Amino acid sequence: MTISWMPVVYIDIFGSALTVCIALLCAHASWQWSKQKTDDIFRQYIFLLTMAIVCFAISRSFGHLIKQILLLNDMPEIWKQISPFSGAINTATFIIIFAFGIYFHRVQRVHTEIEEYRKNLESLVLKRTEQLEETNTALHNEIAERVQAEKKLKQSHITLENVLDSSNPLCITSVDFEIIKANKAYMEIWPKTSTIEGQNIKCYESRPGALCHTDDCPLQQVINGKEKITVESVKQNTQKGANTFIISARPFRDAGGNLIGVVESFQNISARIKAENAKAELIDELQEALDKVNLLGGMLPICASCKKIRDDKGYWNQIETYIRDHSEAEFSHGICPDCAQKLYPEFYNKVDKIISDRKK
């Protein structure tokens, strides 16, 4: 019994066509799936592998279809000529699929390493970002603290300037005898604190005095080790001449405790000394007057008849002589009306009559 070969041919043709359709559907589905996440290397690999298999399926199916069509049309010679090319295409497709497998393995390993590196890099960036934020916060706080400290320092400086300007004359002098700083009250008395070129001048040039260039100089005493000095000295003033000052001096040191110079304050006591001298003169005058008054004090023996006074030596003196010798009083002699009438009655009556007529 002979069985027809046509059903096999038809099944081969149908299967090849179905394979092509399924391959195209798989290619479309793989393309849609890869588009959902374009940065996924695995999806891209599946899409490329699917396309390679689709190419293999189409190549294989077209090979079967062309073979059956050529055989049905009695063209076996043509098939014999193109069949090697069909096999070569199938072999090349297998090689491509194998290459995709190797490529994916290596790419997947590199991609995994890159992902791990990216995750580590993101973690490192996040950590560094947090550290940078903490540093920025700390820096911002430090800047705010410094700004606040600068404001307080500026306010303290202004307050100190106001205090210094409202106090006695103050001056800071270096160990080289150069004036470093002086307040307003000082410069009102000794305005010369620097040269025209801006260089600091020596203290003995600004305020010359008797203690300059001696061991009694307050700065010299501080250099020699004293911690507190109070002296009285006469200083020359270009505007008001010489004045007497009480000078109080203390060491001026830096933050490390090293001696930089001396801080001196000057209290002008010229008016007080002048007042004390005037007071002393007044006391002397009053004492002298009191001594003279005391000369006429006490019990004075006086004659009941002639009014002579007996002195300490026992001599009797006229009252005007005694008072003149024991005081600053001076006498000029005259005569009272009673004595004139008694001693010179004729003259007194004439004079009295003349005075009476003039009053009328």
Protein backbone atom coordinates (compact mmCIF):
# COMPACT_ATOMS: atom_id res chain seq x y z
CA MET A 1 0.00 0.00 0.00
CA THR A 2 1.29 3.36 -0.99
CA ILE A 3 0.73 6.39 1.32
CA SER A 4 0.62 9.88 -0.16
CA TRP A 5 3.42 12.29 0.80
CA MET A 6 1.24 15.35 0.44
CA PRO A 7 -0.12 15.43 4.01
CA VAL A 8 3.45 15.60 5.27
CA VAL A 9 4.15 18.40 2.87
CA TYR A 10 1.08 20.32 3.92
CA ILE A 11 1.86 19.79 7.60
CA ASP A 12 5.44 21.02 7.01
CA ILE A 13 4.15 24.09 5.17
CA PHE A 14 1.55 24.80 7.88
CA GLY A 15 4.10 24.28 10.67
CA SER A 16 6.62 26.55 8.99
CA ALA A 17 4.02 29.30 8.53
CA LEU A 18 2.83 28.87 12.13
CA THR A 19 6.43 29.06 13.34
CA VAL A 20 6.93 32.33 11.47
CA CYS A 21 3.74 33.77 13.01
CA ILE A 22 4.67 32.67 16.51
CA ALA A 23 8.19 34.06 16.05
CA LEU A 24 6.79 37.44 14.97
CA LEU A 25 4.39 37.50 17.95
CA CYS A 26 7.29 36.67 20.30
CA ALA A 27 9.37 39.44 18.72
CA HIS A 28 6.54 41.94 19.23
CA ALA A 29 5.93 40.81 22.82
CA SER A 30 9.67 40.99 23.63
CA TRP A 31 9.89 44.48 22.09
CA GLN A 32 6.93 45.72 24.18
CA TRP A 33 8.41 44.16 27.35
CA SER A 34 11.83 45.77 26.78
CA LYS A 35 10.22 49.20 26.25
CA GLN A 36 8.69 49.11 29.74
CA LYS A 37 12.13 49.43 31.32
CA THR A 38 14.71 50.55 28.81
CA ASP A 39 17.59 50.68 31.35
CA ASP A 40 17.19 46.98 32.28
CA ILE A 41 20.04 45.10 30.63
CA PHE A 42 18.34 41.74 31.11
CA ARG A 43 15.25 42.85 29.16
CA GLN A 44 17.43 44.17 26.39
CA TYR A 45 19.25 40.85 26.27
CA ILE A 46 15.96 38.88 26.11
CA PHE A 47 14.81 41.15 23.28
CA LEU A 48 18.01 40.59 21.28
CA LEU A 49 17.95 36.83 21.98
CA THR A 50 14.32 36.68 20.90
CA MET A 51 15.14 38.53 17.69
CA ALA A 52 17.97 36.06 17.00
CA ILE A 53 15.66 33.09 17.57
CA VAL A 54 13.02 34.77 15.42
CA CYS A 55 15.58 35.15 12.65
CA PHE A 56 16.50 31.50 13.05
CA ALA A 57 12.82 30.46 12.99
CA ILE A 58 12.08 32.59 9.94
CA SER A 59 15.19 31.32 8.19
CA ARG A 60 14.34 27.73 9.05
CA SER A 61 10.66 28.10 8.13
CA PHE A 62 11.40 29.89 4.85
CA GLY A 63 13.85 27.15 4.05
CA HIS A 64 11.19 24.50 4.52
CA LEU A 65 8.60 26.53 2.62
CA ILE A 66 10.93 27.19 -0.33
CA LYS A 67 11.97 23.53 -0.38
CA GLN A 68 8.41 22.26 -0.47
CA ILE A 69 7.37 24.83 -3.05
CA LEU A 70 10.31 23.99 -5.30
CA LEU A 71 9.74 20.23 -4.95
CA LEU A 72 6.03 20.59 -5.67
CA ASN A 73 6.92 22.49 -8.85
CA ASP A 74 9.49 19.86 -9.93
CA MET A 75 12.49 22.14 -9.28
CA PRO A 76 14.75 19.90 -7.20
CA GLU A 77 17.87 21.21 -8.95
CA ILE A 78 17.25 24.72 -7.74
CA TRP A 79 16.79 23.45 -4.20
CA LYS A 80 20.03 21.57 -4.39
CA GLN A 81 21.76 24.83 -5.32
CA ILE A 82 20.27 26.98 -2.55
CA SER A 83 20.09 24.34 0.21
CA PRO A 84 23.75 24.94 1.29
CA PHE A 85 22.99 28.64 1.71
CA SER A 86 19.94 27.81 3.83
CA GLY A 87 22.05 25.60 6.06
CA ALA A 88 24.72 28.26 6.31
CA ILE A 89 22.14 30.83 7.34
CA ASN A 90 20.84 28.47 10.01
CA THR A 91 24.37 27.80 11.24
CA ALA A 92 25.13 31.55 11.33
CA THR A 93 21.93 32.11 13.27
CA PHE A 94 23.00 29.49 15.83
CA ILE A 95 26.39 31.16 16.11
CA ILE A 96 24.68 34.53 16.68
CA ILE A 97 22.48 33.00 19.38
CA PHE A 98 25.56 31.47 21.04
CA ALA A 99 27.37 34.79 20.80
CA PHE A 100 24.38 36.51 22.43
CA GLY A 101 24.61 34.01 25.29
CA ILE A 102 28.32 34.70 25.85
CA TYR A 103 27.72 38.44 25.42
CA PHE A 104 24.92 38.41 27.95
CA HIS A 105 27.02 36.48 30.47
CA ARG A 106 29.84 38.98 30.27
CA VAL A 107 27.56 41.99 30.03
CA GLN A 108 25.54 40.73 32.98
CA ARG A 109 28.70 40.39 35.07
CA VAL A 110 29.87 43.87 34.08
CA HIS A 111 26.38 45.23 34.63
CA THR A 112 26.26 43.60 38.06
CA GLU A 113 29.61 45.12 38.96
CA ILE A 114 28.45 48.48 37.65
CA GLU A 115 25.22 48.22 39.67
CA GLU A 116 27.15 47.34 42.80
CA TYR A 117 29.54 50.18 42.14
CA ARG A 118 26.60 52.50 41.49
CA LYS A 119 24.92 51.44 44.71
CA ASN A 120 28.18 51.86 46.60
CA LEU A 121 28.70 55.18 44.88
CA GLU A 122 25.18 56.30 45.77
CA SER A 123 25.73 55.17 49.34
CA LEU A 124 29.07 56.98 49.40
CA VAL A 125 27.53 60.08 47.83
CA LEU A 126 24.70 59.96 50.36
CA LYS A 127 27.18 59.55 53.19
CA ARG A 128 29.36 62.35 51.87
CA THR A 129 26.28 64.49 51.37
CA GLU A 130 25.25 63.94 54.98
CA GLN A 131 28.79 64.73 56.11
CA LEU A 132 28.81 67.82 53.91
CA GLU A 133 25.46 68.92 55.33
CA GLU A 134 26.77 68.39 58.86
CA THR A 135 29.92 70.31 57.94
CA ASN A 136 27.84 73.08 56.37
CA THR A 137 25.63 73.20 59.46
CA ALA A 138 28.66 73.30 61.74
CA LEU A 139 30.27 75.94 59.51
CA HIS A 140 27.06 77.99 59.50
CA ASN A 141 26.86 77.77 63.28
CA GLU A 142 30.52 78.70 63.59
CA ILE A 143 30.05 81.66 61.25
CA ALA A 144 27.00 82.75 63.24
CA GLU A 145 28.98 82.42 66.48
CA ARG A 146 31.87 84.38 65.00
CA VAL A 147 29.54 87.09 63.74
CA GLN A 148 27.95 87.27 67.18
CA ALA A 149 31.38 87.30 68.80
CA GLU A 150 32.51 90.06 66.44
CA LYS A 151 29.41 92.08 67.32
CA LYS A 152 30.08 91.60 71.03
CA LEU A 153 33.75 92.42 70.53
CA LYS A 154 32.85 95.54 68.58
CA GLN A 155 30.35 96.58 71.25
CA SER A 156 32.92 95.88 73.97
CA HIS A 157 35.47 97.92 72.03
CA ILE A 158 33.00 100.82 71.73
CA THR A 159 32.12 100.52 75.42
CA LEU A 160 35.78 100.43 76.36
CA GLU A 161 36.50 103.46 74.17
CA ASN A 162 33.63 105.36 75.80
CA VAL A 163 34.84 104.38 79.28
CA LEU A 164 38.42 105.32 78.50
CA ASP A 165 37.42 108.63 76.90
CA SER A 166 35.29 109.55 79.92
CA SER A 167 38.02 108.76 82.48
CA ASN A 168 41.35 110.34 83.43
CA PRO A 169 44.05 110.62 80.77
CA LEU A 170 45.30 107.10 79.93
CA CYS A 171 48.28 106.05 77.87
CA ILE A 172 49.85 102.72 76.88
CA THR A 173 53.61 102.93 76.41
CA SER A 174 55.79 100.14 75.02
CA VAL A 175 59.01 98.91 76.63
CA ASP A 176 60.79 100.91 73.92
CA PHE A 177 59.25 104.08 75.41
CA GLU A 178 56.97 104.52 72.35
CA ILE A 179 53.33 105.60 72.79
CA ILE A 180 51.09 102.76 71.52
CA LYS A 181 47.63 104.03 72.45
CA ALA A 182 46.15 107.05 74.21
CA ASN A 183 42.60 108.06 75.03
CA LYS A 184 40.85 111.32 74.18
CA ALA A 185 41.48 112.89 77.60
CA TYR A 186 45.22 112.26 77.20
CA MET A 187 45.38 113.79 73.72
CA GLU A 188 43.52 116.88 74.92
CA ILE A 189 46.49 117.54 77.24
CA TRP A 190 49.31 116.09 75.10
CA PRO A 191 48.06 116.06 71.49
CA LYS A 192 51.39 114.95 70.04
CA THR A 193 51.37 111.12 70.04
CA SER A 194 52.86 110.41 66.61
CA THR A 195 55.09 112.00 64.00
CA ILE A 196 53.98 113.42 60.66
CA GLU A 197 55.06 110.16 59.02
CA GLY A 198 52.74 108.23 61.38
CA GLN A 199 55.50 106.78 63.54
CA ASN A 200 55.01 106.55 67.30
CA ILE A 201 56.97 109.09 69.31
CA LYS A 202 58.71 108.57 72.63
CA CYS A 203 56.84 109.22 75.84
CA TYR A 204 59.48 111.65 77.09
CA GLU A 205 58.96 113.67 73.88
CA SER A 206 55.18 113.77 74.31
CA ARG A 207 55.07 114.53 78.05
CA PRO A 208 58.51 115.58 79.34
CA GLY A 209 58.92 115.59 83.10
CA ALA A 210 61.37 115.41 86.00
CA LEU A 211 61.22 111.58 86.20
CA CYS A 212 62.20 110.99 82.56
CA HIS A 213 65.53 109.18 82.00
CA THR A 214 65.73 108.24 85.68
CA ASP A 215 65.21 105.05 87.67
CA ASP A 216 62.05 106.62 89.16
CA CYS A 217 60.36 106.56 85.74
CA PRO A 218 57.18 104.39 86.09
CA LEU A 219 58.00 102.41 82.93
CA GLN A 220 61.53 101.78 84.13
CA GLN A 221 60.17 100.57 87.47
CA VAL A 222 57.77 98.18 85.69
CA ILE A 223 60.62 96.86 83.55
CA ASN A 224 62.56 96.32 86.78
CA GLY A 225 59.74 94.13 88.11
CA LYS A 226 57.30 96.35 90.02
CA GLU A 227 53.58 95.59 89.58
CA LYS A 228 52.04 98.84 90.83
CA ILE A 229 53.52 102.32 90.88
CA THR A 230 52.01 105.58 92.18
CA VAL A 231 54.15 108.71 91.96
CA GLU A 232 53.68 112.48 91.86
CA SER A 233 55.41 114.33 89.07
CA VAL A 234 55.37 117.64 87.23
CA LYS A 235 54.71 117.25 83.49
CA GLN A 236 55.09 119.88 80.81
CA ASN A 237 51.92 120.76 78.89
CA THR A 238 52.29 122.61 75.59
CA GLN A 239 48.98 124.43 76.14
CA LYS A 240 48.95 125.22 79.87
CA GLY A 241 52.58 124.97 80.91
CA ALA A 242 53.65 122.72 83.79
CA ASN A 243 51.09 120.76 85.78
CA THR A 244 51.40 118.37 88.68
CA PHE A 245 49.99 114.85 88.19
CA ILE A 246 49.54 111.74 90.28
CA ILE A 247 50.72 108.94 87.95
CA SER A 248 49.40 105.40 88.52
CA ALA A 249 51.11 102.70 86.44
CA ARG A 250 50.64 98.96 85.95
CA PRO A 251 52.27 96.42 83.60
CA PHE A 252 50.66 95.87 80.18
CA ARG A 253 50.99 92.24 79.01
CA ASP A 254 49.89 90.21 75.99
CA ALA A 255 47.77 87.03 76.03
CA GLY A 256 50.89 84.95 76.75
CA GLY A 257 51.81 87.03 79.80
CA ASN A 258 54.77 88.72 78.14
CA LEU A 259 55.47 92.31 79.13
CA ILE A 260 54.60 94.73 76.32
CA GLY A 261 54.75 97.99 78.17
CA VAL A 262 52.94 99.98 80.84
CA VAL A 263 49.46 101.45 81.31
CA GLU A 264 49.56 104.86 82.96
CA SER A 265 46.80 107.11 84.21
CA PHE A 266 47.33 110.79 84.99
CA GLN A 267 45.33 112.73 87.59
CA ASN A 268 45.89 116.46 87.42
CA ILE A 269 46.24 117.80 90.99
CA SER A 270 47.53 121.26 90.10
CA ALA A 271 44.30 122.95 91.19
CA ARG A 272 44.30 120.97 94.43
CA ILE A 273 47.89 121.91 95.18
CA LYS A 274 47.11 125.55 94.42
CA ALA A 275 44.10 125.39 96.74
CA GLU A 276 46.19 123.70 99.44
CA ASN A 277 48.85 126.40 99.15
CA ALA A 278 46.21 129.13 99.35
CA LYS A 279 44.72 127.36 102.35
CA ALA A 280 48.13 127.15 104.03
CA GLU A 281 48.72 130.86 103.42
CA LEU A 282 45.31 131.69 104.85
CA ILE A 283 45.97 129.53 107.89
CA ASP A 284 49.30 131.32 108.43
CA GLU A 285 47.62 134.70 108.18
CA LEU A 286 44.87 133.69 110.58
CA GLN A 287 47.42 132.23 112.97
CA GLU A 288 49.43 135.43 112.88
CA ALA A 289 46.28 137.50 113.48
CA LEU A 290 45.29 135.17 116.29
CA ASP A 291 48.71 135.54 117.87
CA LYS A 292 48.36 139.33 117.75
CA VAL A 293 44.89 139.21 119.23
CA ASN A 294 46.09 136.94 121.99
CA LEU A 295 48.63 139.62 122.98
CA LEU A 296 45.77 141.79 124.27
CA GLY A 297 43.93 138.96 125.99
CA GLY A 298 43.79 138.18 129.68
CA MET A 299 43.66 140.45 132.79
CA LEU A 300 45.23 143.94 132.29
CA PRO A 301 46.15 145.94 135.42
CA ILE A 302 45.08 149.56 134.83
CA CYS A 303 45.31 152.63 137.13
CA ALA A 304 41.91 153.78 138.42
CA SER A 305 43.02 157.44 138.30
CA CYS A 306 45.39 158.06 135.38
CA LYS A 307 44.41 154.92 133.40
CA LYS A 308 47.99 153.78 132.92
CA ILE A 309 48.55 150.05 132.28
CA ARG A 310 51.20 147.97 133.98
CA ASP A 311 53.16 145.67 131.69
CA ASP A 312 54.75 142.28 132.50
CA LYS A 313 57.94 143.98 133.66
CA GLY A 314 56.13 146.14 136.24
CA TYR A 315 56.34 149.43 134.33
CA TRP A 316 53.35 151.72 134.03
CA ASN A 317 52.66 152.81 130.44
CA GLN A 318 50.20 155.17 128.85
CA ILE A 319 47.25 153.17 127.54
CA GLU A 320 47.86 154.23 123.92
CA THR A 321 51.53 153.24 124.20
CA TYR A 322 50.65 149.78 125.54
CA ILE A 323 48.03 149.08 122.86
CA ARG A 324 50.34 150.32 120.12
CA ASP A 325 53.14 148.01 121.29
CA HIS A 326 50.88 144.96 121.62
CA SER A 327 48.78 145.40 118.44
CA GLU A 328 48.83 147.00 115.03
CA ALA A 329 46.65 149.90 116.14
CA GLU A 330 47.88 153.50 115.69
CA PHE A 331 46.61 156.56 117.57
CA SER A 332 45.86 160.14 116.52
CA HIS A 333 45.15 162.59 119.38
CA GLY A 334 42.12 164.85 119.68
CA ILE A 335 39.85 166.24 122.48
CA CYS A 336 36.31 165.33 123.37
CA PRO A 337 33.60 168.03 124.06
CA ASP A 338 33.50 167.37 127.81
CA CYS A 339 37.25 167.80 128.20
CA ALA A 340 37.27 170.88 125.95
CA GLN A 341 34.57 172.56 128.09
CA LYS A 342 36.45 171.64 131.24
CA LEU A 343 39.91 172.71 130.11
CA TYR A 344 39.11 175.55 127.72
CA PRO A 345 35.72 176.98 128.77
CA GLU A 346 36.07 180.37 126.98
CA PHE A 347 36.97 178.80 123.67
CA TYR A 348 34.44 176.03 124.01
CA ASN A 349 31.52 178.46 124.54
CA LYS A 350 32.43 180.51 121.45
CA VAL A 351 32.77 177.44 119.28
CA ASP A 352 29.57 175.93 120.64
CA LYS A 353 27.68 179.17 119.88
CA ILE A 354 29.00 179.24 116.30
CA ILE A 355 27.92 175.59 115.74
CA SER A 356 24.47 176.30 117.17
CA ASP A 357 23.99 179.32 114.87
CA ARG A 358 24.95 177.28 111.81
CA LYS A 359 22.43 174.54 112.69
CA LYS A 360 19.66 177.17 112.83
